[in-house]
Protein backbone atom coordinates (compact mmCIF):
# COMPACT_ATOMS: atom_id res chain seq x y z
CA MET A 1 102.51 111.64 116.24
CA ASN A 2 102.69 108.40 118.22
CA ILE A 3 104.48 105.69 116.21
CA LEU A 4 105.04 101.98 116.86
CA ILE A 5 108.10 100.56 115.12
CA ILE A 6 108.19 96.78 114.71
CA GLU A 7 111.61 95.77 113.42
CA ASP A 8 113.85 92.90 114.51
CA GLU A 9 117.07 94.32 113.07
CA PRO A 10 118.54 96.38 115.95
CA LEU A 11 120.40 98.95 113.83
CA ILE A 12 117.35 99.74 111.69
CA ARG A 13 115.06 99.84 114.74
CA LYS A 14 117.33 102.18 116.71
CA SER A 15 117.97 104.41 113.70
CA LEU A 16 114.26 104.80 112.96
CA VAL A 17 113.53 105.61 116.61
CA LYS A 18 116.26 108.23 116.76
CA LEU A 19 115.35 109.91 113.46
CA LEU A 20 111.60 109.88 114.09
CA GLU A 21 112.04 111.32 117.58
CA ARG A 22 114.31 113.99 116.13
CA ALA A 23 111.45 114.78 113.70
CA GLY A 24 109.08 115.24 116.66
CA ALA A 25 107.40 111.83 116.97
CA THR A 26 106.86 109.81 120.09
CA THR A 27 108.03 106.27 119.40
CA THR A 28 107.71 102.80 120.84
CA ALA A 29 109.87 100.06 119.37
CA GLU A 30 109.47 96.31 119.45
CA ALA A 31 111.52 93.49 117.92
CA LEU A 32 108.98 90.67 118.28
CA GLY A 33 105.63 90.53 116.56
CA GLU A 34 103.73 88.94 119.44
CA LYS A 35 104.93 91.66 121.82
CA ALA A 36 103.98 94.27 119.23
CA LEU A 37 100.45 92.85 119.09
CA ASP A 38 100.25 93.27 122.89
CA LYS A 39 101.30 96.91 122.48
CA ILE A 40 98.67 97.43 119.75
CA ARG A 41 96.05 95.85 122.02
CA ASN A 42 96.92 98.11 124.98
CA ASN A 43 97.90 101.43 123.35
CA SER A 44 96.82 103.82 120.64
CA TYR A 45 99.12 104.65 117.72
CA ASP A 46 98.87 107.10 114.84
CA ARG A 47 101.22 105.07 112.64
CA ILE A 48 102.63 101.55 112.76
CA VAL A 49 105.84 100.83 110.85
CA CYS A 50 106.21 97.09 110.51
CA ASP A 51 108.94 94.91 109.08
CA LEU A 52 107.48 92.10 107.04
CA MET A 53 109.77 89.28 108.16
CA LEU A 54 110.19 89.10 111.93
CA SER A 55 111.75 86.30 113.94
CA ASP A 56 108.44 85.06 115.37
CA ILE A 57 105.60 86.07 113.02
CA THR A 58 105.17 88.12 109.85
CA GLY A 59 104.07 91.70 109.41
CA PHE A 60 100.99 90.34 107.66
CA ASP A 61 100.14 88.42 110.85
CA ILE A 62 100.37 91.69 112.77
CA ILE A 63 98.11 93.44 110.27
CA GLU A 64 95.56 90.62 110.52
CA GLY A 65 95.75 90.72 114.32
CA SER A 66 95.25 94.49 114.26
CA LYS A 67 91.96 94.15 112.41
CA VAL A 68 90.43 93.19 115.75
CA TYR A 69 91.10 96.75 116.98
CA TYR A 70 91.01 98.80 113.77
CA THR A 71 88.84 98.90 110.67
CA ALA A 72 90.37 97.79 107.36
CA GLU A 73 90.41 101.46 106.29
CA LYS A 74 92.30 102.48 109.43
CA VAL A 75 94.78 99.60 108.95
CA SER A 76 95.52 100.67 105.37
CA ALA A 77 96.05 104.28 106.47
CA MET A 78 98.18 103.69 109.55
CA PHE A 79 100.43 100.75 108.59
CA ILE A 80 103.64 101.13 106.63
CA ILE A 81 105.35 97.89 105.69
CA ILE A 82 109.13 97.87 105.39
CA THR A 83 110.73 94.89 103.71
CA ALA A 84 113.75 93.61 101.86
CA TYR A 85 111.53 90.99 100.20
CA SER A 86 109.96 92.28 97.03
CA SER A 87 108.51 89.22 95.34
CA GLU A 88 105.38 89.74 93.28
CA GLN A 89 103.41 87.75 95.87
CA VAL A 90 104.57 90.01 98.72
CA LEU A 91 103.80 93.17 96.76
CA GLU A 92 100.33 91.91 95.82
CA ARG A 93 99.49 90.97 99.39
CA ALA A 94 100.68 94.35 100.69
CA LYS A 95 98.61 96.04 98.01
CA SER A 96 95.56 94.01 99.09
CA TYR A 97 95.75 95.68 102.53
CA GLY A 98 96.21 99.11 100.97
CA CYS A 99 99.30 99.74 103.08
CA LYS A 100 102.25 101.80 102.00
CA LEU A 101 105.33 99.65 101.27
CA ILE A 102 108.93 100.83 101.65
CA GLN A 103 111.81 98.75 100.31
CA LYS A 104 114.94 98.03 102.36
CA PRO A 105 117.70 98.95 102.16
CA PHE A 106 116.41 102.51 102.19
CA ASP A 107 117.60 104.65 99.28
CA ASN A 108 117.06 107.90 101.14
CA ILE A 109 116.37 107.80 104.88
CA THR A 110 115.11 111.40 104.86
CA ASP A 111 112.38 110.41 102.38
CA VAL A 112 111.48 107.40 104.54
CA ILE A 113 111.12 109.56 107.66
CA GLU A 114 108.97 112.04 105.72
CA GLN A 115 106.69 109.24 104.47
CA ILE A 116 106.28 107.86 107.98
CA MET A 117 105.55 111.32 109.40
CA GLU A 118 102.92 112.19 106.73
CA PRO A 119 99.57 112.95 108.34
CA ILE A 120 97.00 110.20 107.95
């Protein structure tokens, strides 16, 4: 499975890369949303794990930008949103895309890795 991780927190980004690669995935990691959009434009991914609040744009901006390359159905299947922000507005918007949402801090990293690695 080829996975793009978009996370601006270095420890979380590096940990996800290490654990996903240990689970057999090929990973690419990016801290900035605009650079991640370039990667989405120029590569093919099975899963995209995206932090909601990045330093330059939001995960929702990345999802919207990805709709140029993927159908809405493909976006909902391949994106997993990770966030520490769990307001009702955020949850409703995530639900509107149909994407899986994982809360940070992670309760059980093994469960998180399993959810990311689930076949689409």
